[in-house]
Amino acid sequence: MTNIYRSQFRMPFSLFEKLKAEAGKAGRSVNAELVGRLERSLTDSSNDIDMRIIFEALERLSLRNPELRYSFGVNLGNQRDVRPSEIESGNWTLAADPDNPVADLLAKKQAGVPAK
């Protein structure tokens, strides 16, 4: 752990509570949540990062507005793999690919859709 900088930061308690809640949802520590968010915000933008930001924003919107359903198409880099997707009340739906269940699981993972 020689390449770890230990520090103590101050933040408004309300911000800490939000960070703590998000860490709990993600199943990780507050420190891991903070480091992950800082890394994402300081990393040069890429398609993966931008897509993750979009998915996280849609998830937050759907949780705040459970009466709304957000629909969009997902293209995961394959011209033949464009599928409808929806998020409602924080629950993702990505249309299944009956011809390729392995690709379907990978697409869901890349889209941030929990496996069921």
N, C-alpha and C. Protein backbone atom coordinates (compact mmCIF):
# COMPACT_ATOMS: atom_id res chain seq x y z
N MET A 1 0.82 -1.19 0.00
CA MET A 1 0.00 0.00 0.00
C MET A 1 0.86 1.25 0.00
N THR A 2 2.03 1.18 -0.58
CA THR A 2 2.90 2.35 -0.61
C THR A 2 2.42 3.40 -1.59
N ASN A 3 1.59 3.04 -2.55
CA ASN A 3 1.12 4.03 -3.52
C ASN A 3 -0.28 4.57 -3.17
N ILE A 4 -0.66 4.47 -1.93
CA ILE A 4 -1.94 4.99 -1.46
C ILE A 4 -1.70 6.25 -0.65
N TYR A 5 -2.37 7.32 -1.01
CA TYR A 5 -2.30 8.55 -0.26
C TYR A 5 -3.46 8.59 0.72
N ARG A 6 -3.16 8.67 1.99
CA ARG A 6 -4.20 8.73 3.01
C ARG A 6 -4.49 10.19 3.30
N SER A 7 -5.77 10.52 3.34
CA SER A 7 -6.13 11.92 3.60
C SER A 7 -7.47 11.98 4.32
N GLN A 8 -7.79 13.16 4.73
CA GLN A 8 -9.08 13.39 5.37
C GLN A 8 -9.69 14.62 4.70
N PHE A 9 -10.88 14.46 4.16
CA PHE A 9 -11.56 15.55 3.47
C PHE A 9 -12.82 15.93 4.23
N ARG A 10 -13.19 17.18 4.10
CA ARG A 10 -14.43 17.65 4.70
C ARG A 10 -15.45 17.85 3.59
N MET A 11 -16.69 17.52 3.90
CA MET A 11 -17.78 17.74 2.96
C MET A 11 -19.05 17.97 3.77
N PRO A 12 -20.03 18.63 3.16
CA PRO A 12 -21.30 18.81 3.87
C PRO A 12 -21.89 17.45 4.24
N PHE A 13 -22.50 17.38 5.42
CA PHE A 13 -23.04 16.11 5.90
C PHE A 13 -24.09 15.55 4.93
N SER A 14 -24.91 16.44 4.35
CA SER A 14 -25.94 15.98 3.40
C SER A 14 -25.31 15.31 2.18
N LEU A 15 -24.16 15.83 1.72
CA LEU A 15 -23.45 15.21 0.60
C LEU A 15 -22.90 13.84 1.01
N PHE A 16 -22.36 13.75 2.22
CA PHE A 16 -21.86 12.47 2.71
C PHE A 16 -22.98 11.44 2.78
N GLU A 17 -24.15 11.86 3.24
CA GLU A 17 -25.29 10.93 3.33
C GLU A 17 -25.69 10.42 1.95
N LYS A 18 -25.68 11.30 0.94
CA LYS A 18 -25.99 10.87 -0.43
C LYS A 18 -24.94 9.89 -0.93
N LEU A 19 -23.67 10.20 -0.67
CA LEU A 19 -22.58 9.32 -1.09
C LEU A 19 -22.70 7.97 -0.41
N LYS A 20 -23.03 7.97 0.87
CA LYS A 20 -23.19 6.74 1.64
C LYS A 20 -24.34 5.90 1.08
N ALA A 21 -25.45 6.55 0.72
CA ALA A 21 -26.60 5.83 0.15
C ALA A 21 -26.24 5.22 -1.20
N GLU A 22 -25.53 5.97 -2.04
CA GLU A 22 -25.13 5.45 -3.35
C GLU A 22 -24.15 4.29 -3.20
N ALA A 23 -23.25 4.38 -2.23
CA ALA A 23 -22.31 3.29 -1.98
C ALA A 23 -23.06 2.04 -1.55
N GLY A 24 -24.07 2.22 -0.70
CA GLY A 24 -24.88 1.08 -0.26
C GLY A 24 -25.60 0.42 -1.42
N LYS A 25 -26.16 1.23 -2.33
CA LYS A 25 -26.85 0.68 -3.51
C LYS A 25 -25.89 -0.12 -4.38
N ALA A 26 -24.64 0.38 -4.48
CA ALA A 26 -23.64 -0.29 -5.32
C ALA A 26 -22.95 -1.44 -4.61
N GLY A 27 -23.22 -1.60 -3.29
CA GLY A 27 -22.61 -2.68 -2.54
C GLY A 27 -21.12 -2.50 -2.31
N ARG A 28 -20.71 -1.25 -2.11
CA ARG A 28 -19.31 -1.01 -1.82
C ARG A 28 -19.16 0.04 -0.73
N SER A 29 -17.95 0.24 -0.27
CA SER A 29 -17.69 1.18 0.82
C SER A 29 -17.82 2.62 0.32
N VAL A 30 -17.98 3.53 1.27
CA VAL A 30 -18.05 4.95 0.92
C VAL A 30 -16.73 5.36 0.27
N ASN A 31 -15.61 4.87 0.78
CA ASN A 31 -14.31 5.20 0.19
C ASN A 31 -14.24 4.72 -1.26
N ALA A 32 -14.66 3.48 -1.52
CA ALA A 32 -14.62 2.95 -2.89
C ALA A 32 -15.54 3.75 -3.81
N GLU A 33 -16.70 4.15 -3.31
CA GLU A 33 -17.63 4.96 -4.10
C GLU A 33 -17.01 6.31 -4.43
N LEU A 34 -16.39 6.93 -3.44
CA LEU A 34 -15.77 8.24 -3.64
C LEU A 34 -14.62 8.15 -4.64
N VAL A 35 -13.75 7.16 -4.48
CA VAL A 35 -12.61 6.98 -5.38
C VAL A 35 -13.11 6.70 -6.80
N GLY A 36 -14.11 5.83 -6.94
CA GLY A 36 -14.66 5.52 -8.26
C GLY A 36 -15.24 6.74 -8.95
N ARG A 37 -15.99 7.54 -8.21
CA ARG A 37 -16.58 8.74 -8.78
C ARG A 37 -15.51 9.77 -9.15
N LEU A 38 -14.49 9.91 -8.31
CA LEU A 38 -13.40 10.83 -8.64
C LEU A 38 -12.65 10.37 -9.88
N GLU A 39 -12.35 9.08 -9.95
CA GLU A 39 -11.64 8.55 -11.11
C GLU A 39 -12.43 8.80 -12.39
N ARG A 40 -13.75 8.53 -12.35
CA ARG A 40 -14.57 8.76 -13.53
C ARG A 40 -14.58 10.23 -13.93
N SER A 41 -14.63 11.12 -12.94
CA SER A 41 -14.72 12.54 -13.27
C SER A 41 -13.39 13.09 -13.77
N LEU A 42 -12.28 12.45 -13.45
CA LEU A 42 -10.96 12.94 -13.85
C LEU A 42 -10.37 12.21 -15.04
N THR A 43 -11.02 11.17 -15.50
CA THR A 43 -10.54 10.38 -16.63
C THR A 43 -11.01 11.04 -17.92
N ASP A 44 -10.13 11.01 -18.93
CA ASP A 44 -10.55 11.52 -20.23
C ASP A 44 -11.78 10.75 -20.69
N SER A 45 -12.71 11.46 -21.28
CA SER A 45 -13.97 10.86 -21.70
C SER A 45 -13.74 9.77 -22.74
N SER A 46 -14.52 8.73 -22.64
CA SER A 46 -14.53 7.66 -23.64
C SER A 46 -15.98 7.23 -23.81
N ASN A 47 -16.25 6.46 -24.82
CA ASN A 47 -17.62 5.99 -25.04
C ASN A 47 -18.13 5.20 -23.84
N ASP A 48 -17.29 4.34 -23.27
CA ASP A 48 -17.73 3.53 -22.12
C ASP A 48 -18.12 4.41 -20.94
N ILE A 49 -17.29 5.40 -20.66
CA ILE A 49 -17.57 6.29 -19.53
C ILE A 49 -18.83 7.10 -19.81
N ASP A 50 -18.94 7.62 -21.02
CA ASP A 50 -20.12 8.42 -21.37
C ASP A 50 -21.40 7.58 -21.29
N MET A 51 -21.33 6.33 -21.75
CA MET A 51 -22.51 5.46 -21.68
C MET A 51 -22.87 5.17 -20.23
N ARG A 52 -21.89 4.92 -19.40
CA ARG A 52 -22.15 4.65 -17.99
C ARG A 52 -22.82 5.87 -17.34
N ILE A 53 -22.34 7.07 -17.67
CA ILE A 53 -22.93 8.29 -17.13
C ILE A 53 -24.39 8.42 -17.57
N ILE A 54 -24.65 8.11 -18.84
CA ILE A 54 -26.03 8.18 -19.36
C ILE A 54 -26.92 7.18 -18.64
N PHE A 55 -26.45 5.94 -18.50
CA PHE A 55 -27.25 4.91 -17.82
C PHE A 55 -27.51 5.28 -16.36
N GLU A 56 -26.49 5.80 -15.68
CA GLU A 56 -26.68 6.19 -14.28
C GLU A 56 -27.67 7.34 -14.16
N ALA A 57 -27.60 8.30 -15.09
CA ALA A 57 -28.55 9.42 -15.06
C ALA A 57 -29.97 8.94 -15.33
N LEU A 58 -30.14 8.03 -16.29
CA LEU A 58 -31.47 7.48 -16.56
C LEU A 58 -32.01 6.72 -15.36
N GLU A 59 -31.13 5.98 -14.69
CA GLU A 59 -31.56 5.24 -13.51
C GLU A 59 -32.02 6.19 -12.41
N ARG A 60 -31.26 7.26 -12.17
CA ARG A 60 -31.66 8.24 -11.15
C ARG A 60 -32.99 8.90 -11.53
N LEU A 61 -33.15 9.28 -12.80
CA LEU A 61 -34.40 9.89 -13.25
C LEU A 61 -35.58 8.96 -13.05
N SER A 62 -35.39 7.69 -13.39
CA SER A 62 -36.50 6.75 -13.28
C SER A 62 -36.87 6.48 -11.82
N LEU A 63 -35.89 6.53 -10.93
CA LEU A 63 -36.19 6.34 -9.52
C LEU A 63 -36.90 7.56 -8.93
N ARG A 64 -36.52 8.74 -9.42
CA ARG A 64 -37.18 9.97 -8.94
C ARG A 64 -38.59 10.12 -9.50
N ASN A 65 -38.80 9.57 -10.69
CA ASN A 65 -40.08 9.71 -11.38
C ASN A 65 -40.62 8.33 -11.76
N PRO A 66 -41.05 7.54 -10.77
CA PRO A 66 -41.44 6.16 -11.04
C PRO A 66 -42.64 6.02 -11.98
N GLU A 67 -43.40 7.08 -12.16
CA GLU A 67 -44.56 7.00 -13.06
C GLU A 67 -44.15 7.12 -14.53
N LEU A 68 -42.88 7.48 -14.80
CA LEU A 68 -42.42 7.64 -16.17
C LEU A 68 -41.63 6.42 -16.62
N ARG A 69 -41.69 6.14 -17.91
CA ARG A 69 -40.90 5.06 -18.52
C ARG A 69 -40.02 5.69 -19.58
N TYR A 70 -38.72 5.42 -19.53
CA TYR A 70 -37.77 5.95 -20.49
C TYR A 70 -37.44 4.84 -21.48
N SER A 71 -37.65 5.08 -22.77
CA SER A 71 -37.39 4.08 -23.80
C SER A 71 -36.32 4.60 -24.77
N PHE A 72 -35.46 3.69 -25.23
CA PHE A 72 -34.40 4.07 -26.15
C PHE A 72 -33.87 2.80 -26.80
N GLY A 73 -33.12 2.96 -27.87
CA GLY A 73 -32.49 1.83 -28.54
C GLY A 73 -31.07 1.66 -28.04
N VAL A 74 -30.62 0.43 -27.93
CA VAL A 74 -29.25 0.15 -27.51
C VAL A 74 -28.54 -0.53 -28.66
N ASN A 75 -27.43 0.07 -29.09
CA ASN A 75 -26.58 -0.51 -30.11
C ASN A 75 -25.21 -0.68 -29.48
N LEU A 76 -24.81 -1.92 -29.27
CA LEU A 76 -23.56 -2.19 -28.57
C LEU A 76 -22.42 -2.47 -29.54
N GLY A 77 -22.35 -1.67 -30.61
CA GLY A 77 -21.24 -1.76 -31.54
C GLY A 77 -21.45 -2.75 -32.66
N ASN A 78 -22.57 -3.40 -32.70
CA ASN A 78 -22.85 -4.38 -33.75
C ASN A 78 -24.08 -3.90 -34.50
N GLN A 79 -23.94 -3.65 -35.79
CA GLN A 79 -25.06 -3.12 -36.57
C GLN A 79 -26.30 -3.99 -36.46
N ARG A 80 -26.12 -5.30 -36.28
CA ARG A 80 -27.26 -6.20 -36.19
C ARG A 80 -27.84 -6.28 -34.79
N ASP A 81 -27.14 -5.71 -33.82
CA ASP A 81 -27.57 -5.84 -32.43
C ASP A 81 -28.09 -4.50 -31.91
N VAL A 82 -29.21 -4.06 -32.48
CA VAL A 82 -29.87 -2.84 -32.00
C VAL A 82 -31.19 -3.30 -31.40
N ARG A 83 -31.32 -3.11 -30.07
CA ARG A 83 -32.51 -3.62 -29.38
C ARG A 83 -33.15 -2.53 -28.56
N PRO A 84 -34.48 -2.61 -28.44
CA PRO A 84 -35.15 -1.64 -27.58
C PRO A 84 -34.83 -1.91 -26.12
N SER A 85 -34.73 -0.84 -25.36
CA SER A 85 -34.46 -0.94 -23.94
C SER A 85 -35.33 0.07 -23.22
N GLU A 86 -35.68 -0.26 -22.00
CA GLU A 86 -36.50 0.64 -21.19
C GLU A 86 -36.02 0.61 -19.76
N ILE A 87 -36.28 1.71 -19.05
CA ILE A 87 -36.06 1.74 -17.61
C ILE A 87 -37.28 2.40 -16.99
N GLU A 88 -37.82 1.73 -15.99
CA GLU A 88 -38.99 2.23 -15.29
C GLU A 88 -38.82 1.90 -13.81
N SER A 89 -38.93 2.89 -12.96
CA SER A 89 -38.78 2.73 -11.50
C SER A 89 -37.45 2.05 -11.15
N GLY A 90 -36.41 2.37 -11.90
CA GLY A 90 -35.09 1.80 -11.62
C GLY A 90 -34.89 0.40 -12.15
N ASN A 91 -35.87 -0.17 -12.85
CA ASN A 91 -35.76 -1.53 -13.38
C ASN A 91 -35.51 -1.48 -14.88
N TRP A 92 -34.41 -2.10 -15.30
CA TRP A 92 -34.02 -2.11 -16.70
C TRP A 92 -34.66 -3.27 -17.45
N THR A 93 -34.98 -3.03 -18.69
CA THR A 93 -35.44 -4.08 -19.59
C THR A 93 -34.67 -3.93 -20.89
N LEU A 94 -34.00 -4.97 -21.32
CA LEU A 94 -33.31 -4.99 -22.60
C LEU A 94 -33.86 -6.18 -23.36
N ALA A 95 -34.35 -5.92 -24.58
CA ALA A 95 -34.95 -6.99 -25.36
C ALA A 95 -33.97 -8.15 -25.51
N ALA A 96 -34.47 -9.37 -25.38
CA ALA A 96 -33.63 -10.56 -25.44
C ALA A 96 -33.21 -10.86 -26.88
N ASP A 97 -32.10 -11.57 -27.01
CA ASP A 97 -31.62 -12.05 -28.30
C ASP A 97 -31.72 -13.57 -28.27
N PRO A 98 -32.82 -14.13 -28.76
CA PRO A 98 -33.03 -15.57 -28.67
C PRO A 98 -32.01 -16.38 -29.46
N ASP A 99 -31.36 -15.76 -30.46
CA ASP A 99 -30.39 -16.48 -31.29
C ASP A 99 -29.04 -16.61 -30.62
N ASN A 100 -28.76 -15.76 -29.63
CA ASN A 100 -27.44 -15.79 -29.02
C ASN A 100 -27.53 -15.41 -27.54
N PRO A 101 -27.86 -16.37 -26.67
CA PRO A 101 -28.02 -16.06 -25.25
C PRO A 101 -26.73 -15.57 -24.58
N VAL A 102 -25.55 -16.02 -25.06
CA VAL A 102 -24.29 -15.56 -24.47
C VAL A 102 -24.08 -14.08 -24.80
N ALA A 103 -24.31 -13.71 -26.06
CA ALA A 103 -24.19 -12.30 -26.45
C ALA A 103 -25.23 -11.47 -25.72
N ASP A 104 -26.38 -12.07 -25.47
CA ASP A 104 -27.45 -11.37 -24.75
C ASP A 104 -26.99 -11.02 -23.33
N LEU A 105 -26.38 -11.97 -22.63
CA LEU A 105 -25.88 -11.71 -21.28
C LEU A 105 -24.78 -10.65 -21.30
N LEU A 106 -23.88 -10.73 -22.29
CA LEU A 106 -22.81 -9.75 -22.40
C LEU A 106 -23.38 -8.36 -22.67
N ALA A 107 -24.35 -8.27 -23.55
CA ALA A 107 -24.98 -6.99 -23.87
C ALA A 107 -25.64 -6.40 -22.65
N LYS A 108 -26.33 -7.24 -21.88
CA LYS A 108 -26.97 -6.75 -20.67
C LYS A 108 -25.94 -6.25 -19.66
N LYS A 109 -24.83 -6.97 -19.55
CA LYS A 109 -23.78 -6.54 -18.63
C LYS A 109 -23.21 -5.20 -19.07
N GLN A 110 -22.92 -5.05 -20.38
CA GLN A 110 -22.38 -3.80 -20.88
C GLN A 110 -23.37 -2.65 -20.71
N ALA A 111 -24.65 -2.95 -20.81
CA ALA A 111 -25.68 -1.91 -20.67
C ALA A 111 -26.00 -1.62 -19.21
N GLY A 112 -25.42 -2.40 -18.30
CA GLY A 112 -25.69 -2.17 -16.89
C GLY A 112 -26.99 -2.78 -16.43
N VAL A 113 -27.54 -3.70 -17.21
CA VAL A 113 -28.79 -4.35 -16.87
C VAL A 113 -28.48 -5.55 -15.99
N PRO A 114 -29.05 -5.64 -14.79
CA PRO A 114 -28.79 -6.79 -13.93
C PRO A 114 -29.29 -8.09 -14.57
N ALA A 115 -28.50 -9.15 -14.44
CA ALA A 115 -28.91 -10.46 -14.97
C ALA A 115 -30.03 -11.01 -14.10
N LYS A 116 -31.00 -11.65 -14.73
CA LYS A 116 -32.14 -12.22 -13.99
C LYS A 116 -32.17 -13.70 -14.18
